[in-house]
Structures are given as structure tokens and as C-alpha cells.
Amino acid sequence: MEGTQPQAQRWRGIGLVLTSGSCWGFHGILIKYAFGLGASFIQVFLVEVLFATVFFLFFAKRFFDPVRPRTMGEWLQLSAIGGATIGVGSFLFLSFSLGPVAIAATLMFLYLPVVYGVSVAMGHQSFSLTKLSAIALILLGAVFTTELLSTFREPGILAAAGAAVGAAASYAMVFILTPRVAGYTTLYFRSFTVSGIGLLGCLVILAINPGLWFELGDNGMKFALFAILLGVIGQTLPVVTLMKGLPITGGSLGGVLASVELPIAVFSSALLLGESLNLLKVVGVVLVLGGIIAYNFADRLHPSDGNSLVEI
């Protein structure tokens, strides 16, 4: 991070990205409830991006004030972020359907070394053994928390792993590209773009495969009302905080901070859904939190790829 960047702004960025991760941690519970109502993944994603797209449209007058994308390259980068969000959801759902849930839940965190490696390769920061070790702690924590090792003999491992890697690559694109587009887009426009492209992607997927639209019967009205909560927690609030926080923290630190999603998901599932919370999961959570703290400490000593952009 730039040495001239005020510490107050740094902590503001950290808080914003942590908010995104926390929302997505609780988001898993909401998705499980929606599935319990009989909804498909694409229906959940559709109502989320539809709500967010409509919400961000209310800020349309501020989309291009005072900056806007002007070159084809800038438009392509911005569109790539929206496309990557479709890839994250689609590949994750595919991974969940092909094999054990732990495969996707763990391999998804491969985005962390990818984002860090790109940051180092691009010269945004120098290599740090401490940061790499912190990322390794988070990955190990994910393995323990999701109890990945117990799934190796289950069917569909390779196919599920391939889809999960695709989701991780898509997620990495979001963290790599968002700080870059912040210089020529407003918060409102890039948030709208992410949601709007996600909406178009859902419609295209449903047009290709209408069978993904499930009849909800008597649960249709419940799902329609629940869609508001899905839209706020799943797409609107976390997208705003991520799009606002990443230009401050940079993609590498932001990616690490967002991994707080896993501890939030573990404890919220245990408290609200009654899911098991054993010693292995607790150790995993401690490792993830330890990795986040260690990376943040190292980033303060050796600034990362953030910038001193003052958000619009």
C-alpha cells in the first residue's frame, strides 16, 4: 500500500472488505434455506442480481460523474469483472453438484495465491515469505475447516475439483481487476456493472437450459419475499463494500481479508443451523484468522498493491 495513504483510510478499506466477507459467510445459510424451499442455484443468483441491478439503477445519474471508461480496454476490464462473477457462481454450483461440498469450499481459496502471485509478478509488491506463509495458513485452515481429507474416496472428486479451480480463477479476476478499474469508474457504476452482467448471464443460462428453473409451488411467495434478503446480503451490500474497499486495500490484501467468510460461515452454521462444530473445524478457523492477521501485519511492514484513491 502506498506509504502516503492515511492509516484511517487503510482501516476503512479493511473494514469494508471484511464486511463483504462477513456477508458472504452468512450468505451460505440463506442459500441453504432457499434450497430448502425448492429453489435452484440459478434462481437464487437471479433474484440476487435482479435486486442489486434495480437498486444500483437508482444511482444512474452518478454513473459517469466525474469519470468513465473511455477505451475499449477499459470497457473490457470492467466487463470481465462482471463475467467473472458469473463464473464464480456457475463453477461453484457445478462443483457442488459433481462431488463433495468440501471440494469447492476448499479449492475456492486457491484464488489467494493466484492474486498474490499476480501482484508480485506485476511489480505491485515485492515477494514476502511472511505473506506467503500467511496464505498457506489460510489454505491449511480451509482444509481443516471443510474436512477435505475425509472426501478423497468419494465419487466425482476430479470433476468437482476442476470446476472448483475454475471458480477460484474467476474469483481471482475480481480481486485483480477491481483496483484497476477504480481509476475510471465510480463505485455505483462498477457495482451496477457487476450485478447487471450477472443478471444477463442468468437469463442466458436459463434460456439455454430452462430446466434449471424449478417450480416452487406453495413456497413461491415465501421465496419471493426471501429474495429481498438474498439481494441485500448476497449481492448488494457485499458488492458495494467490496467495490469500495478493494481500491483502498489492493487486490492481494483484499483477497486475504475476504477469506473471513469461512470462519463466519462455520460459526453461523453451528449457531443458526445446528451443524457440527468439532475440534478440527475450530483449529481450521484459528488458522484462517491467524493467516489474515499475519498477512495484515506483514502488509503494514511491506506495503502491498493498494492505492491512495479517494473513493467517489
Protein backbone atom coordinates (compact mmCIF):
# COMPACT_ATOMS: atom_id res chain seq x y z
CA MET A 1 0.00 0.00 0.00
CA GLU A 2 1.20 3.47 -0.73
CA GLY A 3 3.21 4.92 2.10
CA THR A 4 1.34 8.23 1.77
CA GLN A 5 -2.00 6.59 2.30
CA PRO A 6 -3.52 7.66 5.63
CA GLN A 7 -3.89 4.87 8.17
CA ALA A 8 -7.52 5.86 8.67
CA GLN A 9 -8.23 5.18 5.02
CA ARG A 10 -6.39 1.87 5.22
CA TRP A 11 -8.51 0.68 8.14
CA ARG A 12 -11.62 1.91 6.37
CA GLY A 13 -10.74 -0.26 3.38
CA ILE A 14 -10.04 -3.24 5.64
CA GLY A 15 -13.40 -2.80 7.35
CA LEU A 16 -15.22 -2.62 4.03
CA VAL A 17 -13.69 -5.83 2.67
CA LEU A 18 -14.26 -7.63 5.98
CA THR A 19 -17.91 -6.59 5.70
CA SER A 20 -18.10 -8.23 2.28
CA GLY A 21 -16.57 -11.45 3.59
CA SER A 22 -18.91 -11.48 6.57
CA CYS A 23 -21.95 -11.04 4.33
CA TRP A 24 -20.88 -13.95 2.15
CA GLY A 25 -20.29 -16.04 5.27
CA PHE A 26 -23.93 -15.58 6.30
CA HIS A 27 -24.96 -15.90 2.68
CA GLY A 28 -24.34 -19.64 2.79
CA ILE A 29 -27.08 -20.04 5.40
CA LEU A 30 -29.52 -18.07 3.26
CA ILE A 31 -28.75 -20.24 0.25
CA LYS A 32 -29.38 -23.41 2.25
CA TYR A 33 -32.76 -22.04 3.30
CA ALA A 34 -33.58 -21.10 -0.30
CA PHE A 35 -32.65 -24.60 -1.45
CA GLY A 36 -34.93 -25.93 1.27
CA LEU A 37 -37.79 -24.02 -0.35
CA GLY A 38 -37.07 -25.89 -3.58
CA ALA A 39 -35.19 -23.15 -5.47
CA SER A 40 -32.30 -23.90 -7.81
CA PHE A 41 -28.96 -22.14 -7.65
CA ILE A 42 -29.72 -20.10 -10.76
CA GLN A 43 -33.00 -18.90 -9.23
CA VAL A 44 -31.13 -17.74 -6.12
CA PHE A 45 -28.48 -15.98 -8.19
CA LEU A 46 -31.13 -14.42 -10.43
CA VAL A 47 -33.14 -12.82 -7.64
CA GLU A 48 -29.93 -11.52 -6.05
CA VAL A 49 -28.58 -9.82 -9.17
CA LEU A 50 -32.04 -8.58 -10.17
CA PHE A 51 -32.48 -6.87 -6.80
CA ALA A 52 -28.97 -5.40 -6.94
CA THR A 53 -29.32 -4.20 -10.54
CA VAL A 54 -32.56 -2.37 -9.76
CA PHE A 55 -31.03 -0.92 -6.58
CA PHE A 56 -27.95 0.46 -8.36
CA LEU A 57 -30.10 1.91 -11.15
CA PHE A 58 -31.33 4.48 -8.64
CA PHE A 59 -27.79 5.93 -8.75
CA ALA A 60 -27.69 6.09 -12.55
CA LYS A 61 -27.15 9.87 -12.55
CA ARG A 62 -23.81 9.31 -10.80
CA PHE A 63 -22.57 6.51 -13.07
CA PHE A 64 -20.31 8.76 -15.16
CA ASP A 65 -19.61 11.66 -12.82
CA PRO A 66 -16.77 12.59 -12.86
CA VAL A 67 -15.03 9.59 -14.50
CA ARG A 68 -15.99 6.98 -17.08
CA PRO A 69 -14.41 4.18 -19.14
CA ARG A 70 -13.20 5.62 -22.45
CA THR A 71 -11.15 2.98 -24.23
CA MET A 72 -12.11 -0.50 -25.41
CA GLY A 73 -9.57 -1.97 -22.98
CA GLU A 74 -11.20 -0.20 -20.04
CA TRP A 75 -14.65 -1.43 -21.04
CA LEU A 76 -13.32 -4.97 -21.45
CA GLN A 77 -11.71 -4.94 -18.00
CA LEU A 78 -14.93 -3.72 -16.43
CA SER A 79 -16.99 -6.33 -18.32
CA ALA A 80 -14.53 -9.04 -17.30
CA ILE A 81 -15.30 -8.41 -13.62
CA GLY A 82 -19.00 -8.92 -14.28
CA GLY A 83 -18.27 -12.05 -16.31
CA ALA A 84 -16.03 -13.36 -13.55
CA THR A 85 -18.86 -13.10 -11.01
CA ILE A 86 -20.97 -15.33 -13.25
CA GLY A 87 -18.07 -17.76 -13.46
CA VAL A 88 -17.68 -17.87 -9.68
CA GLY A 89 -21.30 -18.83 -9.09
CA SER A 90 -21.63 -21.19 -12.05
CA PHE A 91 -18.41 -23.10 -11.40
CA LEU A 92 -19.15 -23.37 -7.67
CA PHE A 93 -22.63 -24.74 -8.32
CA LEU A 94 -21.21 -27.18 -10.85
CA SER A 95 -18.59 -28.31 -8.34
CA PHE A 96 -21.20 -28.78 -5.63
CA SER A 97 -23.31 -30.89 -7.99
CA LEU A 98 -20.42 -33.07 -9.19
CA GLY A 99 -18.78 -34.02 -5.91
CA PRO A 100 -18.46 -33.37 -2.17
CA VAL A 101 -19.19 -29.83 -0.98
CA ALA A 102 -15.79 -29.72 0.76
CA ILE A 103 -14.00 -29.80 -2.61
CA ALA A 104 -15.48 -26.49 -3.77
CA ALA A 105 -15.42 -24.93 -0.32
CA THR A 106 -11.68 -25.60 -0.01
CA LEU A 107 -10.28 -25.24 -3.52
CA MET A 108 -12.12 -21.95 -3.90
CA PHE A 109 -9.40 -20.44 -1.69
CA LEU A 110 -6.80 -21.11 -4.37
CA TYR A 111 -7.65 -17.60 -5.55
CA LEU A 112 -5.40 -16.32 -2.74
CA PRO A 113 -2.02 -17.49 -4.11
CA VAL A 114 -3.14 -16.56 -7.63
CA VAL A 115 -3.91 -12.95 -6.67
CA TYR A 116 -0.73 -12.67 -4.63
CA GLY A 117 1.40 -14.18 -7.41
CA VAL A 118 -0.04 -11.78 -9.99
CA SER A 119 0.58 -8.85 -7.64
CA VAL A 120 4.24 -9.84 -7.22
CA ALA A 121 4.69 -10.58 -10.94
CA MET A 122 3.23 -7.20 -11.89
CA GLY A 123 5.63 -5.43 -9.54
CA HIS A 124 2.89 -4.11 -7.26
CA GLN A 125 4.72 -5.55 -4.27
CA SER A 126 7.89 -7.45 -3.52
CA PHE A 127 7.89 -11.10 -2.55
CA SER A 128 7.36 -11.70 1.16
CA LEU A 129 7.85 -15.07 2.81
CA THR A 130 5.65 -13.91 5.68
CA LYS A 131 2.77 -13.13 3.34
CA LEU A 132 3.17 -16.42 1.51
CA SER A 133 3.19 -18.26 4.83
CA ALA A 134 0.05 -16.41 5.89
CA ILE A 135 -1.71 -17.53 2.70
CA ALA A 136 -0.54 -21.10 3.36
CA LEU A 137 -2.07 -20.89 6.86
CA ILE A 138 -5.41 -19.83 5.39
CA LEU A 139 -5.35 -22.66 2.85
CA LEU A 140 -4.48 -25.20 5.56
CA GLY A 141 -7.23 -23.76 7.72
CA ALA A 142 -9.69 -24.23 4.85
CA VAL A 143 -8.63 -27.88 4.52
CA PHE A 144 -9.27 -28.48 8.23
CA THR A 145 -12.47 -26.45 8.42
CA THR A 146 -14.12 -28.18 5.47
CA GLU A 147 -12.72 -31.59 6.50
CA LEU A 148 -11.44 -32.03 2.96
CA LEU A 149 -9.27 -35.08 3.68
CA SER A 150 -12.33 -37.19 4.51
CA THR A 151 -13.75 -36.78 0.99
CA PHE A 152 -10.93 -38.23 -1.13
CA ARG A 153 -12.63 -41.61 -1.62
CA GLU A 154 -15.99 -40.18 -2.60
CA PRO A 155 -17.09 -40.19 -6.27
CA GLY A 156 -16.76 -37.18 -8.56
CA ILE A 157 -13.60 -35.81 -6.96
CA LEU A 158 -11.70 -34.90 -10.13
CA ALA A 159 -14.65 -33.28 -11.92
CA ALA A 160 -15.64 -31.32 -8.81
CA ALA A 161 -12.05 -30.21 -8.30
CA GLY A 162 -11.79 -28.96 -11.89
CA ALA A 163 -14.96 -26.89 -11.52
CA ALA A 164 -13.77 -25.52 -8.16
CA VAL A 165 -10.47 -24.41 -9.71
CA GLY A 166 -12.49 -22.59 -12.36
CA ALA A 167 -14.41 -20.79 -9.61
CA ALA A 168 -11.16 -19.85 -7.87
CA ALA A 169 -9.72 -18.46 -11.12
CA SER A 170 -12.88 -16.40 -11.70
CA TYR A 171 -12.80 -15.07 -8.14
CA ALA A 172 -9.15 -14.14 -8.54
CA MET A 173 -10.06 -12.00 -11.57
CA VAL A 174 -12.44 -9.95 -9.42
CA PHE A 175 -9.68 -9.10 -6.92
CA ILE A 176 -7.07 -8.47 -9.60
CA LEU A 177 -9.16 -6.24 -11.86
CA THR A 178 -11.30 -4.23 -9.42
CA PRO A 179 -8.49 -1.94 -8.14
CA ARG A 180 -7.52 -1.29 -11.77
CA VAL A 181 -10.96 -0.16 -12.92
CA ALA A 182 -11.45 2.10 -9.89
CA GLY A 183 -9.47 4.86 -11.58
CA TYR A 184 -12.02 5.31 -14.36
CA THR A 185 -15.31 4.16 -12.82
CA THR A 186 -17.46 5.33 -9.96
CA LEU A 187 -18.43 2.99 -7.16
CA TYR A 188 -22.03 2.99 -8.40
CA PHE A 189 -21.23 2.19 -12.00
CA ARG A 190 -18.86 -0.70 -11.33
CA SER A 191 -21.32 -2.13 -8.78
CA PHE A 192 -24.13 -1.85 -11.32
CA THR A 193 -21.96 -3.45 -14.00
CA VAL A 194 -21.15 -6.46 -11.83
CA SER A 195 -24.82 -7.03 -10.99
CA GLY A 196 -26.13 -6.16 -14.44
CA ILE A 197 -23.81 -8.57 -16.25
CA GLY A 198 -24.66 -11.20 -13.67
CA LEU A 199 -28.35 -10.68 -14.45
CA LEU A 200 -27.75 -11.04 -18.18
CA GLY A 201 -25.70 -14.16 -17.55
CA CYS A 202 -28.51 -15.75 -15.53
CA LEU A 203 -31.02 -15.03 -18.28
CA VAL A 204 -28.73 -16.54 -20.92
CA ILE A 205 -28.17 -19.67 -18.78
CA LEU A 206 -31.91 -20.08 -18.25
CA ALA A 207 -32.58 -19.58 -21.96
CA ILE A 208 -30.10 -22.35 -22.77
CA ASN A 209 -31.31 -24.67 -20.01
CA PRO A 210 -34.89 -23.81 -18.88
CA GLY A 211 -34.86 -26.94 -16.73
CA LEU A 212 -32.83 -25.02 -14.14
CA TRP A 213 -35.99 -23.08 -13.27
CA PHE A 214 -37.76 -25.13 -10.58
CA GLU A 215 -41.45 -24.88 -9.78
CA LEU A 216 -41.73 -23.77 -6.16
CA GLY A 217 -45.45 -24.43 -5.64
CA ASP A 218 -46.68 -23.19 -2.27
CA ASN A 219 -43.21 -21.90 -1.43
CA GLY A 220 -43.24 -19.43 -4.32
CA MET A 221 -44.46 -16.50 -2.21
CA LYS A 222 -42.02 -17.31 0.62
CA PHE A 223 -39.16 -17.36 -1.86
CA ALA A 224 -40.29 -14.06 -3.43
CA LEU A 225 -40.21 -12.35 -0.03
CA PHE A 226 -36.96 -14.07 0.91
CA ALA A 227 -35.46 -12.76 -2.32
CA ILE A 228 -35.17 -9.29 -0.76
CA LEU A 229 -32.91 -10.59 1.99
CA LEU A 230 -30.93 -12.60 -0.56
CA GLY A 231 -30.50 -9.48 -2.68
CA VAL A 232 -29.23 -7.37 0.22
CA ILE A 233 -26.90 -9.90 1.89
CA GLY A 234 -25.85 -11.83 -1.21
CA GLN A 235 -25.26 -9.15 -3.81
CA THR A 236 -25.99 -5.53 -2.91
CA LEU A 237 -24.21 -4.84 0.40
CA PRO A 238 -21.15 -7.09 -0.20
CA VAL A 239 -20.70 -5.80 -3.75
CA VAL A 240 -20.81 -2.17 -2.58
CA THR A 241 -18.32 -2.77 0.22
CA LEU A 242 -16.03 -4.88 -1.97
CA MET A 243 -16.07 -2.43 -4.89
CA LYS A 244 -15.38 0.41 -2.43
CA GLY A 245 -12.84 -1.41 -0.27
CA LEU A 246 -10.64 -3.15 -2.86
CA PRO A 247 -9.32 0.06 -4.45
CA ILE A 248 -8.08 1.02 -0.98
CA THR A 249 -6.63 -2.29 0.22
CA GLY A 250 -5.50 -3.58 -3.16
CA GLY A 251 -6.38 -6.99 -4.56
CA SER A 252 -3.86 -9.06 -2.60
CA LEU A 253 -4.68 -7.84 0.91
CA GLY A 254 -8.36 -7.61 -0.01
CA GLY A 255 -8.42 -11.23 -1.10
CA VAL A 256 -6.93 -12.36 2.20
CA LEU A 257 -9.38 -10.26 4.20
CA ALA A 258 -12.33 -11.68 2.28
CA SER A 259 -11.40 -15.18 3.47
CA VAL A 260 -13.04 -14.24 6.79
CA GLU A 261 -16.08 -15.65 5.00
CA LEU A 262 -15.07 -19.17 6.07
CA PRO A 263 -14.94 -18.62 9.86
CA ILE A 264 -18.19 -16.65 9.69
CA ALA A 265 -19.86 -19.46 7.74
CA VAL A 266 -18.65 -22.13 10.19
CA PHE A 267 -19.83 -20.40 13.35
CA SER A 268 -23.08 -19.06 11.91
CA SER A 269 -23.97 -22.52 10.59
CA ALA A 270 -23.27 -24.01 14.00
CA LEU A 271 -25.32 -21.38 15.85
CA LEU A 272 -28.23 -21.00 13.44
CA LEU A 273 -28.44 -24.37 11.71
CA GLY A 274 -27.13 -26.63 14.43
CA GLU A 275 -24.32 -28.01 12.26
CA SER A 276 -21.47 -29.83 13.99
CA LEU A 277 -18.53 -27.81 15.31
CA ASN A 278 -15.69 -30.19 16.12
CA LEU A 279 -12.09 -29.60 17.15
CA LEU A 280 -10.79 -29.90 13.58
CA LYS A 281 -13.09 -27.12 12.40
CA VAL A 282 -12.11 -24.90 15.31
CA VAL A 283 -8.42 -25.42 14.53
CA GLY A 284 -9.14 -24.58 10.90
CA VAL A 285 -10.89 -21.35 11.87
CA VAL A 286 -7.97 -20.37 14.12
CA LEU A 287 -5.53 -20.98 11.25
CA VAL A 288 -7.61 -18.87 8.84
CA LEU A 289 -7.89 -15.99 11.30
CA GLY A 290 -4.18 -16.30 12.13
CA GLY A 291 -3.32 -16.12 8.44
CA ILE A 292 -5.43 -12.99 7.99
CA ILE A 293 -3.78 -11.28 10.96
CA ALA A 294 -0.27 -12.32 9.88
CA TYR A 295 -0.79 -11.07 6.32
CA ASN A 296 -2.20 -7.76 7.52
CA PHE A 297 0.77 -7.30 9.87
CA ALA A 298 3.23 -8.09 7.06
CA ASP A 299 1.40 -5.68 4.74
CA ARG A 300 1.84 -2.86 7.23
CA LEU A 301 5.59 -3.51 7.25
CA HIS A 302 5.88 -4.11 3.49
CA PRO A 303 3.13 -2.18 1.69
CA SER A 304 1.00 -4.05 -0.85
CA ASP A 305 -0.78 -3.25 -4.08
CA GLY A 306 -3.38 -0.85 -2.78
CA ASN A 307 -3.61 2.76 -3.90
CA SER A 308 -4.43 6.08 -2.37
CA LEU A 309 -7.57 6.57 -4.43
CA VAL A 310 -10.21 8.56 -2.62
CA GLU A 311 -13.50 6.86 -3.40
CA ILE A 312 -16.21 8.73 -5.21
